Amino acid sequence: MKKILIVDDEPNIVMSLEYTFKKNNFEVYIARDGQEALDILESSQPNIIILDIMMPNVDGYNTLEQIKKDDRLKDTKVIFLTAKNKEKDIEKGLALGANLYITKPFSVKKLVEQVNELLEN
């Protein structure tokens, strides 16, 4: 079973994504901030991570930097899903190693398609 880690501090987004990905046969892990995500990643290795940027404690940029430093996780696919839509934010996210950068609001259906495409490649 494919594993996905959803990292976002907005409960409505987390609930809809969790429901949708479980329906699409994913094992779903949830973290409400970057530190919680890093704690989860110590004991599990998802195939893909959906990561918000603006979160309490550890933001998405720092979380991704930590993920890329970890040999076990450095090849894990990461999608930024964020309200930060300025060109410099997008460039920074991709420069840090995100595979995709998606801005909110977004289509859940399209997100599922993009996740599946990334995992097939």
PDB file of N, CA and C in Angstrom:
ATOM      1  N   MET A   1       0.840  -1.191   0.000  1.00  0.00           N
ATOM      2  CA  MET A   1       0.000   0.000   0.000  1.00  0.00           C
ATOM      3  C   MET A   1       0.885   1.254   0.000  1.00  0.00           C
ATOM      4  N   LYS A   2       0.503   2.240  -0.816  1.00  0.00           N
ATOM      5  CA  LYS A   2       1.259   3.490  -0.869  1.00  0.00           C
ATOM      6  C   LYS A   2       1.005   4.290   0.395  1.00  0.00           C
ATOM      7  N   LYS A   3       2.056   4.934   0.891  1.00  0.00           N
ATOM      8  CA  LYS A   3       1.938   5.716   2.117  1.00  0.00           C
ATOM      9  C   LYS A   3       2.116   7.192   1.805  1.00  0.00           C
ATOM     10  N   ILE A   4       1.260   8.026   2.424  1.00  0.00           N
ATOM     11  CA  ILE A   4       1.344   9.467   2.225  1.00  0.00           C
ATOM     12  C   ILE A   4       1.331  10.164   3.585  1.00  0.00           C
ATOM     13  N   LEU A   5       2.159  11.181   3.710  1.00  0.00           N
ATOM     14  CA  LEU A   5       2.176  12.010   4.919  1.00  0.00           C
ATOM     15  C   LEU A   5       1.623  13.375   4.524  1.00  0.00           C
ATOM     16  N   ILE A   6       0.553  13.789   5.201  1.00  0.00           N
ATOM     17  CA  ILE A   6      -0.057  15.092   4.957  1.00  0.00           C
ATOM     18  C   ILE A   6       0.328  16.006   6.121  1.00  0.00           C
ATOM     19  N   VAL A   7       0.998  17.112   5.801  1.00  0.00           N
ATOM     20  CA  VAL A   7       1.479  18.036   6.832  1.00  0.00           C
ATOM     21  C   VAL A   7       0.822  19.391   6.603  1.00  0.00           C
ATOM     22  N   ASP A   8      -0.161  19.716   7.438  1.00  0.00           N
ATOM     23  CA  ASP A   8      -0.882  20.985   7.296  1.00  0.00           C
ATOM     24  C   ASP A   8      -1.542  21.302   8.630  1.00  0.00           C
ATOM     25  N   ASP A   9      -1.629  22.595   8.960  1.00  0.00           N
ATOM     26  CA  ASP A   9      -2.249  22.973  10.236  1.00  0.00           C
ATOM     27  C   ASP A   9      -3.704  23.400  10.067  1.00  0.00           C
ATOM     28  N   GLU A  10      -4.262  23.266   8.859  1.00  0.00           N
ATOM     29  CA  GLU A  10      -5.670  23.601   8.637  1.00  0.00           C
ATOM     30  C   GLU A  10      -6.509  22.322   8.683  1.00  0.00           C
ATOM     31  N   PRO A  11      -7.324  22.162   9.755  1.00  0.00           N
ATOM     32  CA  PRO A  11      -8.093  20.912   9.936  1.00  0.00           C
ATOM     33  C   PRO A  11      -8.962  20.531   8.738  1.00  0.00           C
ATOM     34  N   ASN A  12      -9.593  21.500   8.081  1.00  0.00           N
ATOM     35  CA  ASN A  12     -10.477  21.167   6.956  1.00  0.00           C
ATOM     36  C   ASN A  12      -9.707  20.556   5.796  1.00  0.00           C
ATOM     37  N   ILE A  13      -8.528  21.080   5.528  1.00  0.00           N
ATOM     38  CA  ILE A  13      -7.701  20.532   4.446  1.00  0.00           C
ATOM     39  C   ILE A  13      -7.235  19.132   4.820  1.00  0.00           C
ATOM     40  N   VAL A  14      -6.771  18.985   6.050  1.00  0.00           N
ATOM     41  CA  VAL A  14      -6.294  17.677   6.510  1.00  0.00           C
ATOM     42  C   VAL A  14      -7.406  16.633   6.404  1.00  0.00           C
ATOM     43  N   MET A  15      -8.610  16.989   6.878  1.00  0.00           N
ATOM     44  CA  MET A  15      -9.720  16.022   6.853  1.00  0.00           C
ATOM     45  C   MET A  15     -10.097  15.627   5.434  1.00  0.00           C
ATOM     46  N   SER A  16     -10.196  16.607   4.528  1.00  0.00           N
ATOM     47  CA  SER A  16     -10.609  16.254   3.164  1.00  0.00           C
ATOM     48  C   SER A  16      -9.533  15.443   2.452  1.00  0.00           C
ATOM     49  N   LEU A  17      -8.258  15.795   2.661  1.00  0.00           N
ATOM     50  CA  LEU A  17      -7.188  15.027   2.019  1.00  0.00           C
ATOM     51  C   LEU A  17      -7.079  13.621   2.606  1.00  0.00           C
ATOM     52  N   GLU A  18      -7.201  13.511   3.922  1.00  0.00           N
ATOM     53  CA  GLU A  18      -7.127  12.191   4.562  1.00  0.00           C
ATOM     54  C   GLU A  18      -8.226  11.281   4.007  1.00  0.00           C
ATOM     55  N   TYR A  19      -9.443  11.788   3.962  1.00  0.00           N
ATOM     56  CA  TYR A  19     -10.573  11.023   3.445  1.00  0.00           C
ATOM     57  C   TYR A  19     -10.323  10.593   1.992  1.00  0.00           C
ATOM     58  N   THR A  20      -9.909  11.553   1.169  1.00  0.00           N
ATOM     59  CA  THR A  20      -9.720  11.282  -0.259  1.00  0.00           C
ATOM     60  C   THR A  20      -8.618  10.261  -0.507  1.00  0.00           C
ATOM     61  N   PHE A  21      -7.482  10.421   0.181  1.00  0.00           N
ATOM     62  CA  PHE A  21      -6.378   9.491  -0.077  1.00  0.00           C
ATOM     63  C   PHE A  21      -6.658   8.102   0.494  1.00  0.00           C
ATOM     64  N   LYS A  22      -7.384   8.017   1.620  1.00  0.00           N
ATOM     65  CA  LYS A  22      -7.766   6.686   2.128  1.00  0.00           C
ATOM     66  C   LYS A  22      -8.683   5.998   1.122  1.00  0.00           C
ATOM     67  N   LYS A  23      -9.597   6.777   0.535  1.00  0.00           N
ATOM     68  CA  LYS A  23     -10.502   6.235  -0.473  1.00  0.00           C
ATOM     69  C   LYS A  23      -9.731   5.745  -1.704  1.00  0.00           C
ATOM     70  N   ASN A  24      -8.562   6.352  -1.946  1.00  0.00           N
ATOM     71  CA  ASN A  24      -7.719   5.968  -3.080  1.00  0.00           C
ATOM     72  C   ASN A  24      -6.628   4.966  -2.673  1.00  0.00           C
ATOM     73  N   ASN A  25      -6.884   4.232  -1.587  1.00  0.00           N
ATOM     74  CA  ASN A  25      -6.006   3.143  -1.137  1.00  0.00           C
ATOM     75  C   ASN A  25      -4.610   3.572  -0.698  1.00  0.00           C
ATOM     76  N   PHE A  26      -4.531   4.710  -0.027  1.00  0.00           N
ATOM     77  CA  PHE A  26      -3.278   5.138   0.577  1.00  0.00           C
ATOM     78  C   PHE A  26      -3.354   4.904   2.087  1.00  0.00           C
ATOM     79  N   GLU A  27      -2.206   4.583   2.663  1.00  0.00           N
ATOM     80  CA  GLU A  27      -2.082   4.610   4.113  1.00  0.00           C
ATOM     81  C   GLU A  27      -1.707   6.059   4.440  1.00  0.00           C
ATOM     82  N   VAL A  28      -2.497   6.710   5.292  1.00  0.00           N
ATOM     83  CA  VAL A  28      -2.343   8.151   5.511  1.00  0.00           C
ATOM     84  C   VAL A  28      -1.783   8.451   6.900  1.00  0.00           C
ATOM     85  N   TYR A  29      -0.746   9.272   6.926  1.00  0.00           N
ATOM     86  CA  TYR A  29      -0.199   9.811   8.175  1.00  0.00           C
ATOM     87  C   TYR A  29      -0.496  11.303   8.193  1.00  0.00           C
ATOM     88  N   ILE A  30      -0.755  11.843   9.382  1.00  0.00           N
ATOM     89  CA  ILE A  30      -1.110  13.253   9.517  1.00  0.00           C
ATOM     90  C   ILE A  30      -0.154  13.930  10.500  1.00  0.00           C
ATOM     91  N   ALA A  31       0.313  15.118  10.111  1.00  0.00           N
ATOM     92  CA  ALA A  31       1.088  15.954  11.027  1.00  0.00           C
ATOM     93  C   ALA A  31       0.543  17.375  10.933  1.00  0.00           C
ATOM     94  N   ARG A  32       0.490  18.065  12.061  1.00  0.00           N
ATOM     95  CA  ARG A  32      -0.074  19.420  12.099  1.00  0.00           C
ATOM     96  C   ARG A  32       0.987  20.515  11.971  1.00  0.00           C
ATOM     97  N   ASP A  33       2.262  20.120  12.057  1.00  0.00           N
ATOM     98  CA  ASP A  33       3.348  21.079  11.853  1.00  0.00           C
ATOM     99  C   ASP A  33       4.611  20.318  11.464  1.00  0.00           C
ATOM    100  N   GLY A  34       5.653  21.068  11.121  1.00  0.00           N
ATOM    101  CA  GLY A  34       6.878  20.450  10.631  1.00  0.00           C
ATOM    102  C   GLY A  34       7.544  19.530  11.645  1.00  0.00           C
ATOM    103  N   GLN A  35       7.532  19.928  12.914  1.00  0.00           N
ATOM    104  CA  GLN A  35       8.182  19.096  13.929  1.00  0.00           C
ATOM    105  C   GLN A  35       7.472  17.754  14.070  1.00  0.00           C
ATOM    106  N   GLU A  36       6.154  17.792  14.066  1.00  0.00           N
ATOM    107  CA  GLU A  36       5.380  16.551  14.151  1.00  0.00           C
ATOM    108  C   GLU A  36       5.673  15.658  12.933  1.00  0.00           C
ATOM    109  N   ALA A  37       5.821  16.294  11.766  1.00  0.00           N
ATOM    110  CA  ALA A  37       6.150  15.535  10.545  1.00  0.00           C
ATOM    111  C   ALA A  37       7.504  14.848  10.697  1.00  0.00           C
ATOM    112  N   LEU A  38       8.493  15.594  11.189  1.00  0.00           N
ATOM    113  CA  LEU A  38       9.837  15.012  11.348  1.00  0.00           C
ATOM    114  C   LEU A  38       9.822  13.870  12.356  1.00  0.00           C
ATOM    115  N   ASP A  39       9.009  14.007  13.415  1.00  0.00           N
ATOM    116  CA  ASP A  39       8.880  12.925  14.403  1.00  0.00           C
ATOM    117  C   ASP A  39       8.297  11.670  13.754  1.00  0.00           C
ATOM    118  N   ILE A  40       7.260  11.841  12.938  1.00  0.00           N
ATOM    119  CA  ILE A  40       6.634  10.708  12.250  1.00  0.00           C
ATOM    120  C   ILE A  40       7.636  10.051  11.290  1.00  0.00           C
ATOM    121  N   LEU A  41       8.440  10.871  10.618  1.00  0.00           N
ATOM    122  CA  LEU A  41       9.381  10.355   9.623  1.00  0.00           C
ATOM    123  C   LEU A  41      10.528   9.555  10.238  1.00  0.00           C
ATOM    124  N   GLU A  42      10.737   9.712  11.548  1.00  0.00           N
ATOM    125  CA  GLU A  42      11.775   8.905  12.199  1.00  0.00           C
ATOM    126  C   GLU A  42      11.401   7.436  12.214  1.00  0.00           C
ATOM    127  N   SER A  43      10.084   7.139  12.239  1.00  0.00           N
ATOM    128  CA  SER A  43       9.666   5.740  12.359  1.00  0.00           C
ATOM    129  C   SER A  43       8.924   5.223  11.129  1.00  0.00           C
ATOM    130  N   SER A  44       8.619   6.091  10.173  1.00  0.00           N
ATOM    131  CA  SER A  44       7.935   5.605   8.981  1.00  0.00           C
ATOM    132  C   SER A  44       8.489   6.311   7.754  1.00  0.00           C
ATOM    133  N   GLN A  45       8.315   5.654   6.618  1.00  0.00           N
ATOM    134  CA  GLN A  45       8.868   6.175   5.374  1.00  0.00           C
ATOM    135  C   GLN A  45       7.770   6.212   4.310  1.00  0.00           C
ATOM    136  N   PRO A  46       7.080   7.362   4.204  1.00  0.00           N
ATOM    137  CA  PRO A  46       6.023   7.455   3.198  1.00  0.00           C
ATOM    138  C   PRO A  46       6.602   7.517   1.790  1.00  0.00           C
ATOM    139  N   ASN A  47       5.771   7.208   0.799  1.00  0.00           N
ATOM    140  CA  ASN A  47       6.190   7.325  -0.598  1.00  0.00           C
ATOM    141  C   ASN A  47       6.163   8.783  -1.049  1.00  0.00           C
ATOM    142  N   ILE A  48       5.270   9.557  -0.412  1.00  0.00           N
ATOM    143  CA  ILE A  48       5.089  10.946  -0.818  1.00  0.00           C
ATOM    144  C   ILE A  48       4.636  11.783   0.372  1.00  0.00           C
ATOM    145  N   ILE A  49       5.031  13.055   0.363  1.00  0.00           N
ATOM    146  CA  ILE A  49       4.688  13.969   1.453  1.00  0.00           C
ATOM    147  C   ILE A  49       4.022  15.202   0.841  1.00  0.00           C
ATOM    148  N   ILE A  50       2.860  15.565   1.380  1.00  0.00           N
ATOM    149  CA  ILE A  50       2.211  16.823   1.005  1.00  0.00           C
ATOM    150  C   ILE A  50       2.473  17.783   2.156  1.00  0.00           C
ATOM    151  N   LEU A  51       3.092  18.920   1.847  1.00  0.00           N
ATOM    152  CA  LEU A  51       3.657  19.782   2.881  1.00  0.00           C
ATOM    153  C   LEU A  51       3.203  21.225   2.711  1.00  0.00           C
ATOM    154  N   ASP A  52       2.584  21.757   3.756  1.00  0.00           N
ATOM    155  CA  ASP A  52       2.238  23.178   3.789  1.00  0.00           C
ATOM    156  C   ASP A  52       3.507  23.947   4.151  1.00  0.00           C
ATOM    157  N   ILE A  53       3.546  25.244   3.873  1.00  0.00           N
ATOM    158  CA  ILE A  53       4.725  26.038   4.239  1.00  0.00           C
ATOM    159  C   ILE A  53       4.504  26.801   5.536  1.00  0.00           C
ATOM    160  N   MET A  54       3.384  27.525   5.620  1.00  0.00           N
ATOM    161  CA  MET A  54       3.138  28.355   6.803  1.00  0.00           C
ATOM    162  C   MET A  54       2.471  27.529   7.900  1.00  0.00           C
ATOM    163  N   MET A  55       3.294  27.105   8.868  1.00  0.00           N
ATOM    164  CA  MET A  55       2.794  26.287   9.982  1.00  0.00           C
ATOM    165  C   MET A  55       3.505  26.710  11.254  1.00  0.00           C
ATOM    166  N   PRO A  56       2.906  26.388  12.413  1.00  0.00           N
ATOM    167  CA  PRO A  56       3.577  26.705  13.682  1.00  0.00           C
ATOM    168  C   PRO A  56       4.826  25.836  13.890  1.00  0.00           C
ATOM    169  N   ASN A  57       5.663  26.239  14.796  1.00  0.00           N
ATOM    170  CA  ASN A  57       6.882  25.522  15.190  1.00  0.00           C
ATOM    171  C   ASN A  57       7.923  25.463  14.074  1.00  0.00           C
ATOM    172  N   VAL A  58       7.823  24.490  13.183  1.00  0.00           N
ATOM    173  CA  VAL A  58       8.785  24.355  12.088  1.00  0.00           C
ATOM    174  C   VAL A  58       8.021  24.521  10.775  1.00  0.00           C
ATOM    175  N   ASP A  59       8.433  25.491   9.946  1.00  0.00           N
ATOM    176  CA  ASP A  59       7.693  25.710   8.705  1.00  0.00           C
ATOM    177  C   ASP A  59       8.063  24.656   7.645  1.00  0.00           C
ATOM    178  N   GLY A  60       7.350  24.715   6.525  1.00  0.00           N
ATOM    179  CA  GLY A  60       7.541  23.719   5.476  1.00  0.00           C
ATOM    180  C   GLY A  60       8.918  23.762   4.835  1.00  0.00           C
ATOM    181  N   TYR A  61       9.479  24.961   4.679  1.00  0.00           N
ATOM    182  CA  TYR A  61      10.817  25.066   4.086  1.00  0.00           C
ATOM    183  C   TYR A  61      11.845  24.328   4.946  1.00  0.00           C
ATOM    184  N   ASN A  62      11.830  24.612   6.257  1.00  0.00           N
ATOM    185  CA  ASN A  62      12.787  23.954   7.163  1.00  0.00           C
ATOM    186  C   ASN A  62      12.540  22.452   7.237  1.00  0.00           C
ATOM    187  N   THR A  63      11.275  22.069   7.211  1.00  0.00           N
ATOM    188  CA  THR A  63      10.938  20.644   7.237  1.00  0.00           C
ATOM    189  C   THR A  63      11.545  19.937   6.018  1.00  0.00           C
ATOM    190  N   LEU A  64      11.382  20.548   4.840  1.00  0.00           N
ATOM    191  CA  LEU A  64      11.927  19.939   3.622  1.00  0.00           C
ATOM    192  C   LEU A  64      13.456  19.866   3.672  1.00  0.00           C
ATOM    193  N   GLU A  65      14.092  20.900   4.210  1.00  0.00           N
ATOM    194  CA  GLU A  65      15.555  20.866   4.334  1.00  0.00           C
ATOM    195  C   GLU A  65      15.993  19.676   5.189  1.00  0.00           C
ATOM    196  N   GLN A  66      15.279  19.423   6.293  1.00  0.00           N
ATOM    197  CA  GLN A  66      15.612  18.287   7.162  1.00  0.00           C
ATOM    198  C   GLN A  66      15.381  16.960   6.441  1.00  0.00           C
ATOM    199  N   ILE A  67      14.290  16.870   5.686  1.00  0.00           N
ATOM    200  CA  ILE A  67      13.981  15.641   4.950  1.00  0.00           C
ATOM    201  C   ILE A  67      15.097  15.334   3.948  1.00  0.00           C
ATOM    202  N   LYS A  68      15.553  16.349   3.231  1.00  0.00           N
ATOM    203  CA  LYS A  68      16.571  16.136   2.186  1.00  0.00           C
ATOM    204  C   LYS A  68      17.940  15.769   2.780  1.00  0.00           C
ATOM    205  N   LYS A  69      18.165  16.091   4.059  1.00  0.00           N
ATOM    206  CA  LYS A  69      19.430  15.730   4.719  1.00  0.00           C
ATOM    207  C   LYS A  69      19.449  14.272   5.159  1.00  0.00           C
ATOM    208  N   ASP A  70      18.279  13.650   5.239  1.00  0.00           N
ATOM    209  CA  ASP A  70      18.145  12.282   5.740  1.00  0.00           C
ATOM    210  C   ASP A  70      18.293  11.297   4.580  1.00  0.00           C
ATOM    211  N   ASP A  71      19.327  10.450   4.637  1.00  0.00           N
ATOM    212  CA  ASP A  71      19.584   9.502   3.542  1.00  0.00           C
ATOM    213  C   ASP A  71      18.390   8.596   3.242  1.00  0.00           C
ATOM    214  N   ARG A  72      17.636   8.215   4.285  1.00  0.00           N
ATOM    215  CA  ARG A  72      16.483   7.339   4.071  1.00  0.00           C
ATOM    216  C   ARG A  72      15.378   8.053   3.288  1.00  0.00           C
ATOM    217  N   LEU A  73      15.307   9.380   3.440  1.00  0.00           N
ATOM    218  CA  LEU A  73      14.167  10.131   2.921  1.00  0.00           C
ATOM    219  C   LEU A  73      14.483  11.013   1.718  1.00  0.00           C
ATOM    220  N   LYS A  74      15.767  11.154   1.390  1.00  0.00           N
ATOM    221  CA  LYS A  74      16.134  12.176   0.400  1.00  0.00           C
ATOM    222  C   LYS A  74      15.492  11.965  -0.974  1.00  0.00           C
ATOM    223  N   ASP A  75      15.067  10.732  -1.284  1.00  0.00           N
ATOM    224  CA  ASP A  75      14.409  10.473  -2.568  1.00  0.00           C
ATOM    225  C   ASP A  75      12.884  10.448  -2.458  1.00  0.00           C
ATOM    226  N   THR A  76      12.353  10.725  -1.264  1.00  0.00           N
ATOM    227  CA  THR A  76      10.904  10.761  -1.072  1.00  0.00           C
ATOM    228  C   THR A  76      10.334  11.949  -1.849  1.00  0.00           C
ATOM    229  N   LYS A  77       9.244  11.712  -2.560  1.00  0.00           N
ATOM    230  CA  LYS A  77       8.594  12.794  -3.324  1.00  0.00           C
ATOM    231  C   LYS A  77       7.907  13.757  -2.363  1.00  0.00           C
ATOM    232  N   VAL A  78       8.042  15.056  -2.650  1.00  0.00           N
ATOM    233  CA  VAL A  78       7.437  16.077  -1.795  1.00  0.00           C
ATOM    234  C   VAL A  78       6.679  17.082  -2.655  1.00  0.00           C
ATOM    235  N   ILE A  79       5.439  17.361  -2.245  1.00  0.00           N
ATOM    236  CA  ILE A  79       4.623  18.379  -2.902  1.00  0.00           C
ATOM    237  C   ILE A  79       4.339  19.489  -1.888  1.00  0.00           C
ATOM    238  N   PHE A  80       4.730  20.711  -2.220  1.00  0.00           N
ATOM    239  CA  PHE A  80       4.304  21.840  -1.398  1.00  0.00           C
ATOM    240  C   PHE A  80       2.873  22.180  -1.784  1.00  0.00           C
ATOM    241  N   LEU A  81       2.012  22.316  -0.782  1.00  0.00           N
ATOM    242  CA  LEU A  81       0.622  22.716  -0.973  1.00  0.00           C
ATOM    243  C   LEU A  81       0.414  23.913  -0.062  1.00  0.00           C
ATOM    244  N   THR A  82       0.360  25.118  -0.630  1.00  0.00           N
ATOM    245  CA  THR A  82       0.471  26.316   0.192  1.00  0.00           C
ATOM    246  C   THR A  82      -0.283  27.506  -0.389  1.00  0.00           C
ATOM    247  N   ALA A  83      -0.577  28.459   0.474  1.00  0.00           N
ATOM    248  CA  ALA A  83      -1.190  29.715   0.024  1.00  0.00           C
ATOM    249  C   ALA A  83      -0.131  30.682  -0.498  1.00  0.00           C
ATOM    250  N   LYS A  84       1.152  30.375  -0.256  1.00  0.00           N
ATOM    251  CA  LYS A  84       2.236  31.258  -0.709  1.00  0.00           C
ATOM    252  C   LYS A  84       2.396  31.109  -2.227  1.00  0.00           C
ATOM    253  N   ASN A  85       1.961  32.148  -2.963  1.00  0.00           N
ATOM    254  CA  ASN A  85       1.920  32.012  -4.418  1.00  0.00           C
ATOM    255  C   ASN A  85       2.819  33.012  -5.145  1.00  0.00           C
ATOM    256  N   LYS A  86       3.712  33.673  -4.427  1.00  0.00           N
ATOM    257  CA  LYS A  86       4.635  34.601  -5.091  1.00  0.00           C
ATOM    258  C   LYS A  86       5.735  33.806  -5.798  1.00  0.00           C
ATOM    259  N   GLU A  87       6.229  34.365  -6.896  1.00  0.00           N
ATOM    260  CA  GLU A  87       7.256  33.699  -7.690  1.00  0.00           C
ATOM    261  C   GLU A  87       8.463  33.289  -6.842  1.00  0.00           C
ATOM    262  N   LYS A  88       8.902  34.184  -5.929  1.00  0.00           N
ATOM    263  CA  LYS A  88      10.081  33.864  -5.115  1.00  0.00           C
ATOM    264  C   LYS A  88       9.811  32.691  -4.161  1.00  0.00           C
ATOM    265  N   ASP A  89       8.571  32.575  -3.676  1.00  0.00           N
ATOM    266  CA  ASP A  89       8.218  31.444  -2.806  1.00  0.00           C
ATOM    267  C   ASP A  89       8.270  30.135  -3.589  1.00  0.00           C
ATOM    268  N   ILE A  90       7.721  30.178  -4.794  1.00  0.00           N
ATOM    269  CA  ILE A  90       7.695  28.983  -5.651  1.00  0.00           C
ATOM    270  C   ILE A  90       9.124  28.565  -6.003  1.00  0.00           C
ATOM    271  N   GLU A  91       9.944  29.545  -6.393  1.00  0.00           N
ATOM    272  CA  GLU A  91      11.348  29.238  -6.734  1.00  0.00           C
ATOM    273  C   GLU A  91      12.081  28.642  -5.539  1.00  0.00           C
ATOM    274  N   LYS A  92      11.869  29.214  -4.351  1.00  0.00           N
ATOM    275  CA  LYS A  92      12.531  28.697  -3.147  1.00  0.00           C
ATOM    276  C   LYS A  92      12.095  27.257  -2.877  1.00  0.00           C
ATOM    277  N   GLY A  93      10.795  27.003  -2.965  1.00  0.00           N
ATOM    278  CA  GLY A  93      10.277  25.653  -2.710  1.00  0.00           C
ATOM    279  C   GLY A  93      10.868  24.619  -3.651  1.00  0.00           C
ATOM    280  N   LEU A  94      10.935  24.966  -4.930  1.00  0.00           N
ATOM    281  CA  LEU A  94      11.487  24.026  -5.910  1.00  0.00           C
ATOM    282  C   LEU A  94      12.999  23.892  -5.744  1.00  0.00           C
ATOM    283  N   ALA A  95      13.670  24.999  -5.400  1.00  0.00           N
ATOM    284  CA  ALA A  95      15.125  24.953  -5.189  1.00  0.00           C
ATOM    285  C   ALA A  95      15.489  24.062  -4.004  1.00  0.00           C
ATOM    286  N   LEU A  96      14.620  24.023  -2.995  1.00  0.00           N
ATOM    287  CA  LEU A  96      14.873  23.173  -1.831  1.00  0.00           C
ATOM    288  C   LEU A  96      14.659  21.688  -2.143  1.00  0.00           C
ATOM    289  N   GLY A  97      14.037  21.404  -3.284  1.00  0.00           N
ATOM    290  CA  GLY A  97      13.897  20.010  -3.683  1.00  0.00           C
ATOM    291  C   GLY A  97      12.482  19.486  -3.775  1.00  0.00           C
ATOM    292  N   ALA A  98      11.478  20.365  -3.688  1.00  0.00           N
ATOM    293  CA  ALA A  98      10.100  19.896  -3.852  1.00  0.00           C
ATOM    294  C   ALA A  98       9.899  19.427  -5.290  1.00  0.00           C
ATOM    295  N   ASN A  99       9.122  18.352  -5.456  1.00  0.00           N
ATOM    296  CA  ASN A  99       8.840  17.831  -6.795  1.00  0.00           C
ATOM    297  C   ASN A  99       7.750  18.643  -7.488  1.00  0.00           C
ATOM    298  N   LEU A 100       6.816  19.171  -6.692  1.00  0.00           N
ATOM    299  CA  LEU A 100       5.730  19.993  -7.218  1.00  0.00           C
ATOM    300  C   LEU A 100       5.433  21.100  -6.226  1.00  0.00           C
ATOM    301  N   TYR A 101       4.893  22.198  -6.740  1.00  0.00           N
ATOM    302  CA  TYR A 101       4.500  23.333  -5.895  1.00  0.00           C
ATOM    303  C   TYR A 101       3.084  23.704  -6.314  1.00  0.00           C
ATOM    304  N   ILE A 102       2.132  23.454  -5.446  1.00  0.00           N
ATOM    305  CA  ILE A 102       0.719  23.690  -5.756  1.00  0.00           C
ATOM    306  C   ILE A 102       0.195  24.760  -4.806  1.00  0.00           C
ATOM    307  N   THR A 103      -0.510  25.754  -5.371  1.00  0.00           N
ATOM    308  CA  THR A 103      -1.015  26.826  -4.528  1.00  0.00           C
ATOM    309  C   THR A 103      -2.493  26.608  -4.194  1.00  0.00           C
ATOM    310  N   LYS A 104      -2.869  27.045  -2.994  1.00  0.00           N
ATOM    311  CA  LYS A 104      -4.265  26.985  -2.553  1.00  0.00           C
ATOM    312  C   LYS A 104      -4.976  28.216  -3.110  1.00  0.00           C
ATOM    313  N   PRO A 105      -6.256  28.151  -3.460  1.00  0.00           N
ATOM    314  CA  PRO A 105      -7.103  26.946  -3.426  1.00  0.00           C
ATOM    315  C   PRO A 105      -6.697  25.969  -4.540  1.00  0.00           C
ATOM    316  N   PHE A 106      -7.026  24.703  -4.343  1.00  0.00           N
ATOM    317  CA  PHE A 106      -6.589  23.659  -5.263  1.00  0.00           C
ATOM    318  C   PHE A 106      -7.720  22.660  -5.472  1.00  0.00           C
ATOM    319  N   SER A 107      -7.585  21.847  -6.506  1.00  0.00           N
ATOM    320  CA  SER A 107      -8.552  20.791  -6.790  1.00  0.00           C
ATOM    321  C   SER A 107      -8.049  19.489  -6.166  1.00  0.00           C
ATOM    322  N   VAL A 108      -8.843  18.910  -5.273  1.00  0.00           N
ATOM    323  CA  VAL A 108      -8.462  17.649  -4.623  1.00  0.00           C
ATOM    324  C   VAL A 108      -8.310  16.549  -5.672  1.00  0.00           C
ATOM    325  N   LYS A 109      -9.223  16.519  -6.629  1.00  0.00           N
ATOM    326  CA  LYS A 109      -9.177  15.498  -7.675  1.00  0.00           C
ATOM    327  C   LYS A 109      -7.873  15.609  -8.469  1.00  0.00           C
ATOM    328  N   LYS A 110      -7.509  16.835  -8.844  1.00  0.00           N
ATOM    329  CA  LYS A 110      -6.279  17.043  -9.607  1.00  0.00           C
ATOM    330  C   LYS A 110      -5.055  16.692  -8.752  1.00  0.00           C
ATOM    331  N   LEU A 111      -5.105  17.011  -7.459  1.00  0.00           N
ATOM    332  CA  LEU A 111      -3.999  16.688  -6.557  1.00  0.00           C
ATOM    333  C   LEU A 111      -3.771  15.173  -6.511  1.00  0.00           C
ATOM    334  N   VAL A 112      -4.843  14.412  -6.407  1.00  0.00           N
ATOM    335  CA  VAL A 112      -4.724  12.946  -6.392  1.00  0.00           C
ATOM    336  C   VAL A 112      -4.072  12.460  -7.691  1.00  0.00           C
ATOM    337  N   GLU A 113      -4.483  13.037  -8.824  1.00  0.00           N
ATOM    338  CA  GLU A 113      -3.882  12.662 -10.108  1.00  0.00           C
ATOM    339  C   GLU A 113      -2.385  12.988 -10.117  1.00  0.00           C
ATOM    340  N   GLN A 114      -2.024  14.174  -9.603  1.00  0.00           N
ATOM    341  CA  GLN A 114      -0.620  14.582  -9.594  1.00  0.00           C
ATOM    342  C   GLN A 114       0.213  13.675  -8.679  1.00  0.00           C
ATOM    343  N   VAL A 115      -0.352  13.302  -7.538  1.00  0.00           N
ATOM    344  CA  VAL A 115       0.340  12.388  -6.619  1.00  0.00           C
ATOM    345  C   VAL A 115       0.588  11.051  -7.319  1.00  0.00           C
ATOM    346  N   ASN A 116      -0.433  10.510  -7.957  1.00  0.00           N
ATOM    347  CA  ASN A 116      -0.282   9.223  -8.634  1.00  0.00           C
ATOM    348  C   ASN A 116       0.730   9.299  -9.775  1.00  0.00           C
ATOM    349  N   GLU A 117       0.728  10.406 -10.522  1.00  0.00           N
ATOM    350  CA  GLU A 117       1.702  10.593 -11.596  1.00  0.00           C
ATOM    351  C   GLU A 117       3.130  10.604 -11.034  1.00  0.00           C
ATOM    352  N   LEU A 118       3.342  11.352  -9.951  1.00  0.00           N
ATOM    353  CA  LEU A 118       4.665  11.437  -9.349  1.00  0.00           C
ATOM    354  C   LEU A 118       5.146  10.067  -8.893  1.00  0.00           C
ATOM    355  N   LEU A 119       4.244   9.288  -8.321  1.00  0.00           N
ATOM    356  CA  LEU A 119       4.628   7.972  -7.807  1.00  0.00           C
ATOM    357  C   LEU A 119       4.900   6.980  -8.930  1.00  0.00           C
ATOM    358  N   GLU A 120       4.306   7.200 -10.100  1.00  0.00           N
ATOM    359  CA  GLU A 120       4.549   6.290 -11.220  1.00  0.00           C
ATOM    360  C   GLU A 120       5.904   6.538 -11.872  1.00  0.00           C
ATOM    361  N   ASN A 121       6.375   7.783 -11.798  1.00  0.00           N
ATOM    362  CA  ASN A 121       7.657   8.138 -12.452  1.00  0.00           C
ATOM    363  C   ASN A 121       8.856   7.723 -11.626  1.00  0.00           C
TER     364      ASN A 121
END
